[in-house]
Full PDB file with SEQRES, HELIX, SHEET, SSBOND, CRYST1, ORIGX, SCALE, CONECT and MASTER records, all heavy atoms in Angstrom:
SEQRES   1 A   30  LYS GLY THR PRO ILE GLU GLN ALA MET LEU ASP VAL THR          
SEQRES   2 A   30  PRO MET GLY ARG LEU GLY LYS PRO ALA GLU ILE ALA ALA          
SEQRES   3 A   30  GLY VAL ALA TYR                                              
HELIX    1 AA1 PRO A    4  ASP A   11  1                                   8    
HELIX    2 AA2 PRO A   21  ALA A   29  1                                   9    
CRYST1    1.000    1.000    1.000  90.00  90.00  90.00 P 1           1          
ORIGX1      1.000000  0.000000  0.000000        0.00000                         
ORIGX2      0.000000  1.000000  0.000000        0.00000                         
ORIGX3      0.000000  0.000000  1.000000        0.00000                         
SCALE1      1.000000  0.000000  0.000000        0.00000                         
SCALE2      0.000000  1.000000  0.000000        0.00000                         
SCALE3      0.000000  0.000000  1.000000        0.00000                         
ATOM      1  N   LYS A   1       0.052 -11.913  -3.128  1.00  0.00           N  
ATOM      2  CA  LYS A   1       1.467 -11.927  -2.759  1.00  0.00           C  
ATOM      3  C   LYS A   1       2.273 -12.833  -3.685  1.00  0.00           C  
ATOM      4  O   LYS A   1       1.892 -13.968  -3.964  1.00  0.00           O  
ATOM      5  CB  LYS A   1       1.633 -12.394  -1.308  1.00  0.00           C  
ATOM      6  CG  LYS A   1       1.154 -11.387  -0.264  1.00  0.00           C  
ATOM      7  CD  LYS A   1       2.040 -10.160  -0.227  1.00  0.00           C  
ATOM      8  CE  LYS A   1       1.601  -9.160   0.838  1.00  0.00           C  
ATOM      9  NZ  LYS A   1       1.761  -9.685   2.203  1.00  0.00           N  
ATOM     10  N   GLY A   2       3.407 -12.312  -4.152  1.00  0.00           N  
ATOM     11  CA  GLY A   2       4.289 -13.087  -5.000  1.00  0.00           C  
ATOM     12  C   GLY A   2       3.824 -13.246  -6.429  1.00  0.00           C  
ATOM     13  O   GLY A   2       4.426 -13.995  -7.202  1.00  0.00           O  
ATOM     14  N   THR A   3       2.770 -12.536  -6.803  1.00  0.00           N  
ATOM     15  CA  THR A   3       2.246 -12.614  -8.168  1.00  0.00           C  
ATOM     16  C   THR A   3       2.555 -11.318  -8.909  1.00  0.00           C  
ATOM     17  O   THR A   3       2.936 -10.311  -8.303  1.00  0.00           O  
ATOM     18  CB  THR A   3       0.724 -12.818  -8.159  1.00  0.00           C  
ATOM     19  OG1 THR A   3       0.089 -11.591  -7.728  1.00  0.00           O  
ATOM     20  CG2 THR A   3       0.324 -13.948  -7.210  1.00  0.00           C  
ATOM     21  N   PRO A   4       2.388 -11.324 -10.239  1.00  0.00           N  
ATOM     22  CA  PRO A   4       2.578 -10.085 -11.000  1.00  0.00           C  
ATOM     23  C   PRO A   4       1.660  -8.954 -10.534  1.00  0.00           C  
ATOM     24  O   PRO A   4       1.988  -7.775 -10.686  1.00  0.00           O  
ATOM     25  CB  PRO A   4       2.263 -10.503 -12.431  1.00  0.00           C  
ATOM     26  CG  PRO A   4       2.577 -11.967 -12.471  1.00  0.00           C  
ATOM     27  CD  PRO A   4       2.168 -12.483 -11.119  1.00  0.00           C  
ATOM     28  N   ILE A   5       0.523  -9.318  -9.937  1.00  0.00           N  
ATOM     29  CA  ILE A   5      -0.402  -8.286  -9.456  1.00  0.00           C  
ATOM     30  C   ILE A   5       0.234  -7.494  -8.320  1.00  0.00           C  
ATOM     31  O   ILE A   5       0.108  -6.263  -8.258  1.00  0.00           O  
ATOM     32  CB  ILE A   5      -1.728  -8.925  -9.017  1.00  0.00           C  
ATOM     33  CG1 ILE A   5      -2.470  -9.476 -10.231  1.00  0.00           C  
ATOM     34  CG2 ILE A   5      -2.598  -7.916  -8.270  1.00  0.00           C  
ATOM     35  CD1 ILE A   5      -3.763 -10.182  -9.908  1.00  0.00           C  
ATOM     36  N   GLU A   6       0.938  -8.183  -7.410  1.00  0.00           N  
ATOM     37  CA  GLU A   6       1.600  -7.464  -6.322  1.00  0.00           C  
ATOM     38  C   GLU A   6       2.645  -6.498  -6.877  1.00  0.00           C  
ATOM     39  O   GLU A   6       2.724  -5.340  -6.433  1.00  0.00           O  
ATOM     40  CB  GLU A   6       2.267  -8.432  -5.356  1.00  0.00           C  
ATOM     41  CG  GLU A   6       2.966  -7.697  -4.199  1.00  0.00           C  
ATOM     42  CD  GLU A   6       3.750  -8.630  -3.289  1.00  0.00           C  
ATOM     43  OE1 GLU A   6       4.162  -9.705  -3.730  1.00  0.00           O  
ATOM     44  OE2 GLU A   6       3.951  -8.249  -2.119  1.00  0.00           O  
ATOM     45  N   GLN A   7       3.422  -6.952  -7.839  1.00  0.00           N  
ATOM     46  CA  GLN A   7       4.438  -6.072  -8.418  1.00  0.00           C  
ATOM     47  C   GLN A   7       3.794  -4.891  -9.124  1.00  0.00           C  
ATOM     48  O   GLN A   7       4.293  -3.765  -9.064  1.00  0.00           O  
ATOM     49  CB  GLN A   7       5.329  -6.837  -9.390  1.00  0.00           C  
ATOM     50  CG  GLN A   7       6.527  -6.027  -9.889  1.00  0.00           C  
ATOM     51  CD  GLN A   7       7.405  -5.527  -8.754  1.00  0.00           C  
ATOM     52  OE1 GLN A   7       7.805  -6.302  -7.882  1.00  0.00           O  
ATOM     53  NE2 GLN A   7       7.694  -4.220  -8.730  1.00  0.00           N  
ATOM     54  N   ALA A   8       2.664  -5.140  -9.772  1.00  0.00           N  
ATOM     55  CA  ALA A   8       1.953  -4.052 -10.441  1.00  0.00           C  
ATOM     56  C   ALA A   8       1.491  -3.005  -9.436  1.00  0.00           C  
ATOM     57  O   ALA A   8       1.526  -1.803  -9.703  1.00  0.00           O  
ATOM     58  CB  ALA A   8       0.768  -4.602 -11.217  1.00  0.00           C  
ATOM     59  N   MET A   9       1.055  -3.463  -8.259  1.00  0.00           N  
ATOM     60  CA  MET A   9       0.632  -2.528  -7.202  1.00  0.00           C  
ATOM     61  C   MET A   9       1.787  -1.622  -6.790  1.00  0.00           C  
ATOM     62  O   MET A   9       1.616  -0.410  -6.629  1.00  0.00           O  
ATOM     63  CB  MET A   9       0.133  -3.313  -5.981  1.00  0.00           C  
ATOM     64  CG  MET A   9      -1.145  -4.069  -6.191  1.00  0.00           C  
ATOM     65  SD  MET A   9      -1.550  -5.049  -4.712  1.00  0.00           S  
ATOM     66  CE  MET A   9      -3.028  -5.896  -5.263  1.00  0.00           C  
ATOM     67  N   LEU A  10       2.946  -2.218  -6.618  1.00  0.00           N  
ATOM     68  CA  LEU A  10       4.116  -1.428  -6.223  1.00  0.00           C  
ATOM     69  C   LEU A  10       4.520  -0.471  -7.344  1.00  0.00           C  
ATOM     70  O   LEU A  10       4.901   0.677  -7.089  1.00  0.00           O  
ATOM     71  CB  LEU A  10       5.273  -2.359  -5.876  1.00  0.00           C  
ATOM     72  CG  LEU A  10       5.036  -3.304  -4.692  1.00  0.00           C  
ATOM     73  CD1 LEU A  10       6.219  -4.252  -4.528  1.00  0.00           C  
ATOM     74  CD2 LEU A  10       4.805  -2.526  -3.409  1.00  0.00           C  
ATOM     75  N   ASP A  11       4.430  -0.941  -8.576  1.00  0.00           N  
ATOM     76  CA  ASP A  11       4.850  -0.125  -9.715  1.00  0.00           C  
ATOM     77  C   ASP A  11       3.993   1.123  -9.891  1.00  0.00           C  
ATOM     78  O   ASP A  11       4.495   2.157 -10.350  1.00  0.00           O  
ATOM     79  CB  ASP A  11       4.821  -0.959 -10.995  1.00  0.00           C  
ATOM     80  CG  ASP A  11       5.908  -2.023 -11.035  1.00  0.00           C  
ATOM     81  OD1 ASP A  11       6.867  -1.930 -10.242  1.00  0.00           O  
ATOM     82  OD2 ASP A  11       5.783  -2.959 -11.859  1.00  0.00           O  
ATOM     83  N   VAL A  12       2.694   1.024  -9.544  1.00  0.00           N  
ATOM     84  CA  VAL A  12       1.806   2.170  -9.765  1.00  0.00           C  
ATOM     85  C   VAL A  12       1.633   3.028  -8.517  1.00  0.00           C  
ATOM     86  O   VAL A  12       0.874   4.002  -8.538  1.00  0.00           O  
ATOM     87  CB  VAL A  12       0.418   1.721 -10.276  1.00  0.00           C  
ATOM     88  CG1 VAL A  12       0.549   1.024 -11.617  1.00  0.00           C  
ATOM     89  CG2 VAL A  12      -0.271   0.818  -9.252  1.00  0.00           C  
ATOM     90  N   THR A  13       2.318   2.675  -7.441  1.00  0.00           N  
ATOM     91  CA  THR A  13       2.272   3.489  -6.216  1.00  0.00           C  
ATOM     92  C   THR A  13       3.518   4.364  -6.172  1.00  0.00           C  
ATOM     93  O   THR A  13       4.632   3.847  -6.018  1.00  0.00           O  
ATOM     94  CB  THR A  13       2.217   2.591  -4.964  1.00  0.00           C  
ATOM     95  OG1 THR A  13       1.043   1.764  -5.032  1.00  0.00           O  
ATOM     96  CG2 THR A  13       2.166   3.433  -3.699  1.00  0.00           C  
ATOM     97  N   PRO A  14       3.390   5.679  -6.331  1.00  0.00           N  
ATOM     98  CA  PRO A  14       4.562   6.548  -6.380  1.00  0.00           C  
ATOM     99  C   PRO A  14       5.517   6.387  -5.205  1.00  0.00           C  
ATOM    100  O   PRO A  14       6.736   6.519  -5.376  1.00  0.00           O  
ATOM    101  CB  PRO A  14       3.950   7.949  -6.410  1.00  0.00           C  
ATOM    102  CG  PRO A  14       2.658   7.746  -7.137  1.00  0.00           C  
ATOM    103  CD  PRO A  14       2.150   6.428  -6.645  1.00  0.00           C  
ATOM    104  N   MET A  15       5.009   6.077  -4.011  1.00  0.00           N  
ATOM    105  CA  MET A  15       5.886   5.904  -2.856  1.00  0.00           C  
ATOM    106  C   MET A  15       6.586   4.546  -2.852  1.00  0.00           C  
ATOM    107  O   MET A  15       7.457   4.299  -2.018  1.00  0.00           O  
ATOM    108  CB  MET A  15       5.127   6.138  -1.553  1.00  0.00           C  
ATOM    109  CG  MET A  15       4.692   7.590  -1.381  1.00  0.00           C  
ATOM    110  SD  MET A  15       3.836   7.930   0.189  1.00  0.00           S  
ATOM    111  CE  MET A  15       5.214   7.816   1.336  1.00  0.00           C  
ATOM    112  N   GLY A  16       6.209   3.660  -3.771  1.00  0.00           N  
ATOM    113  CA  GLY A  16       6.936   2.434  -4.002  1.00  0.00           C  
ATOM    114  C   GLY A  16       6.840   1.373  -2.926  1.00  0.00           C  
ATOM    115  O   GLY A  16       7.698   0.495  -2.832  1.00  0.00           O  
ATOM    116  N   ARG A  17       5.801   1.408  -2.113  1.00  0.00           N  
ATOM    117  CA  ARG A  17       5.627   0.391  -1.074  1.00  0.00           C  
ATOM    118  C   ARG A  17       4.150   0.205  -0.779  1.00  0.00           C  
ATOM    119  O   ARG A  17       3.314   1.025  -1.180  1.00  0.00           O  
ATOM    120  CB  ARG A  17       6.336   0.808   0.221  1.00  0.00           C  
ATOM    121  CG  ARG A  17       5.754   2.049   0.913  1.00  0.00           C  
ATOM    122  CD  ARG A  17       6.361   2.244   2.287  1.00  0.00           C  
ATOM    123  NE  ARG A  17       5.924   3.462   2.951  1.00  0.00           N  
ATOM    124  CZ  ARG A  17       4.819   3.570   3.691  1.00  0.00           C  
ATOM    125  NH1 ARG A  17       4.008   2.521   3.832  1.00  0.00           N  
ATOM    126  NH2 ARG A  17       4.507   4.713   4.282  1.00  0.00           N  
ATOM    127  N   LEU A  18       3.847  -0.881  -0.082  1.00  0.00           N  
ATOM    128  CA  LEU A  18       2.498  -1.068   0.423  1.00  0.00           C  
ATOM    129  C   LEU A  18       2.293  -0.202   1.663  1.00  0.00           C  
ATOM    130  O   LEU A  18       3.236   0.055   2.414  1.00  0.00           O  
ATOM    131  CB  LEU A  18       2.253  -2.537   0.790  1.00  0.00           C  
ATOM    132  CG  LEU A  18       2.346  -3.566  -0.338  1.00  0.00           C  
ATOM    133  CD1 LEU A  18       2.125  -4.970   0.214  1.00  0.00           C  
ATOM    134  CD2 LEU A  18       1.335  -3.264  -1.440  1.00  0.00           C  
ATOM    135  N   GLY A  19       1.055   0.240   1.865  1.00  0.00           N  
ATOM    136  CA  GLY A  19       0.746   0.991   3.066  1.00  0.00           C  
ATOM    137  C   GLY A  19       0.601   0.073   4.265  1.00  0.00           C  
ATOM    138  O   GLY A  19       0.522  -1.151   4.141  1.00  0.00           O  
ATOM    139  N   LYS A  20       0.552   0.669   5.437  1.00  0.00           N  
ATOM    140  CA  LYS A  20       0.398  -0.071   6.681  1.00  0.00           C  
ATOM    141  C   LYS A  20      -1.011   0.159   7.237  1.00  0.00           C  
ATOM    142  O   LYS A  20      -1.550   1.265   7.148  1.00  0.00           O  
ATOM    143  CB  LYS A  20       1.433   0.392   7.705  1.00  0.00           C  
ATOM    144  CG  LYS A  20       2.877   0.241   7.230  1.00  0.00           C  
ATOM    145  CD  LYS A  20       3.831   0.893   8.223  1.00  0.00           C  
ATOM    146  CE  LYS A  20       5.261   0.841   7.711  1.00  0.00           C  
ATOM    147  NZ  LYS A  20       6.201   1.545   8.637  1.00  0.00           N  
ATOM    148  N   PRO A  21      -1.608  -0.872   7.838  1.00  0.00           N  
ATOM    149  CA  PRO A  21      -2.934  -0.690   8.431  1.00  0.00           C  
ATOM    150  C   PRO A  21      -3.004   0.494   9.397  1.00  0.00           C  
ATOM    151  O   PRO A  21      -4.017   1.203   9.442  1.00  0.00           O  
ATOM    152  CB  PRO A  21      -3.178  -2.018   9.147  1.00  0.00           C  
ATOM    153  CG  PRO A  21      -2.395  -3.010   8.353  1.00  0.00           C  
ATOM    154  CD  PRO A  21      -1.155  -2.278   7.932  1.00  0.00           C  
ATOM    155  N   ALA A  22      -1.939   0.723  10.163  1.00  0.00           N  
ATOM    156  CA  ALA A  22      -1.938   1.828  11.121  1.00  0.00           C  
ATOM    157  C   ALA A  22      -2.056   3.179  10.434  1.00  0.00           C  
ATOM    158  O   ALA A  22      -2.572   4.140  11.027  1.00  0.00           O  
ATOM    159  CB  ALA A  22      -0.671   1.787  11.972  1.00  0.00           C  
ATOM    160  N   GLU A  23      -1.603   3.260   9.184  1.00  0.00           N  
ATOM    161  CA  GLU A  23      -1.700   4.530   8.458  1.00  0.00           C  
ATOM    162  C   GLU A  23      -3.138   4.825   8.067  1.00  0.00           C  
ATOM    163  O   GLU A  23      -3.556   5.991   8.023  1.00  0.00           O  
ATOM    164  CB  GLU A  23      -0.773   4.481   7.238  1.00  0.00           C  
ATOM    165  CG  GLU A  23       0.698   4.446   7.628  1.00  0.00           C  
ATOM    166  CD  GLU A  23       1.641   4.215   6.470  1.00  0.00           C  
ATOM    167  OE1 GLU A  23       1.382   3.307   5.642  1.00  0.00           O  
ATOM    168  OE2 GLU A  23       2.666   4.921   6.386  1.00  0.00           O  
ATOM    169  N   ILE A  24      -3.916   3.789   7.791  1.00  0.00           N  
ATOM    170  CA  ILE A  24      -5.348   3.978   7.530  1.00  0.00           C  
ATOM    171  C   ILE A  24      -6.072   4.305   8.827  1.00  0.00           C  
ATOM    172  O   ILE A  24      -6.935   5.192   8.883  1.00  0.00           O  
ATOM    173  CB  ILE A  24      -5.950   2.721   6.884  1.00  0.00           C  
ATOM    174  CG1 ILE A  24      -5.144   2.300   5.653  1.00  0.00           C  
ATOM    175  CG2 ILE A  24      -7.409   2.974   6.526  1.00  0.00           C  
ATOM    176  CD1 ILE A  24      -4.996   3.366   4.603  1.00  0.00           C  
ATOM    177  N   ALA A  25      -5.709   3.603   9.893  1.00  0.00           N  
ATOM    178  CA  ALA A  25      -6.345   3.831  11.194  1.00  0.00           C  
ATOM    179  C   ALA A  25      -6.168   5.271  11.659  1.00  0.00           C  
ATOM    180  O   ALA A  25      -7.065   5.842  12.287  1.00  0.00           O  
ATOM    181  CB  ALA A  25      -5.775   2.867  12.231  1.00  0.00           C  
ATOM    182  N   ALA A  26      -5.029   5.864  11.348  1.00  0.00           N  
ATOM    183  CA  ALA A  26      -4.796   7.257  11.743  1.00  0.00           C  
ATOM    184  C   ALA A  26      -5.785   8.194  11.058  1.00  0.00           C  
ATOM    185  O   ALA A  26      -6.285   9.151  11.671  1.00  0.00           O  
ATOM    186  CB  ALA A  26      -3.359   7.657  11.408  1.00  0.00           C  
ATOM    187  N   GLY A  27      -6.072   7.930   9.794  1.00  0.00           N  
ATOM    188  CA  GLY A  27      -7.058   8.743   9.085  1.00  0.00           C  
ATOM    189  C   GLY A  27      -8.453   8.563   9.639  1.00  0.00           C  
ATOM    190  O   GLY A  27      -9.222   9.523   9.772  1.00  0.00           O  
ATOM    191  N   VAL A  28      -8.792   7.333   9.988  1.00  0.00           N  
ATOM    192  CA  VAL A  28     -10.098   7.063  10.585  1.00  0.00           C  
ATOM    193  C   VAL A  28     -10.234   7.784  11.917  1.00  0.00           C  
ATOM    194  O   VAL A  28     -11.276   8.389  12.216  1.00  0.00           O  
ATOM    195  CB  VAL A  28     -10.299   5.545  10.778  1.00  0.00           C  
ATOM    196  CG1 VAL A  28     -11.590   5.275  11.540  1.00  0.00           C  
ATOM    197  CG2 VAL A  28     -10.324   4.829   9.429  1.00  0.00           C  
ATOM    198  N   ALA A  29      -9.183   7.750  12.717  1.00  0.00           N  
ATOM    199  CA  ALA A  29      -9.228   8.399  14.030  1.00  0.00           C  
ATOM    200  C   ALA A  29      -9.451   9.897  13.890  1.00  0.00           C  
ATOM    201  O   ALA A  29     -10.190  10.506  14.686  1.00  0.00           O  
ATOM    202  CB  ALA A  29      -7.938   8.124  14.793  1.00  0.00           C  
ATOM    203  N   TYR A  30      -8.826  10.511  12.894  1.00  0.00           N  
ATOM    204  CA  TYR A  30      -9.054  11.942  12.650  1.00  0.00           C  
ATOM    205  C   TYR A  30     -10.516  12.201  12.321  1.00  0.00           C  
ATOM    206  O   TYR A  30     -11.157  13.088  12.921  1.00  0.00           O  
ATOM    207  CB  TYR A  30      -8.157  12.420  11.512  1.00  0.00           C  
ATOM    208  CG  TYR A  30      -8.637  13.698  10.863  1.00  0.00           C  
ATOM    209  CD1 TYR A  30      -8.608  14.911  11.557  1.00  0.00           C  
ATOM    210  CD2 TYR A  30      -9.146  13.688   9.565  1.00  0.00           C  
ATOM    211  CE1 TYR A  30      -9.077  16.084  10.963  1.00  0.00           C  
ATOM    212  CE2 TYR A  30      -9.605  14.849   8.976  1.00  0.00           C  
ATOM    213  CZ  TYR A  30      -9.579  16.047   9.674  1.00  0.00           C  
ATOM    214  OH  TYR A  30     -10.048  17.200   9.084  1.00  0.00           O  
TER     215      TYR A  30                                                      
MASTER        0    0    0    2    0    0    0    6  214    1    0    3          
END                                                                             
């Protein structure tokens, strides 16, 4: 958090944001 690595993560994610834990949990539940 707050480092160039965090910005790099956002830059290479087409949706432009971090995911939410609940979004992973939904896939697991399926």
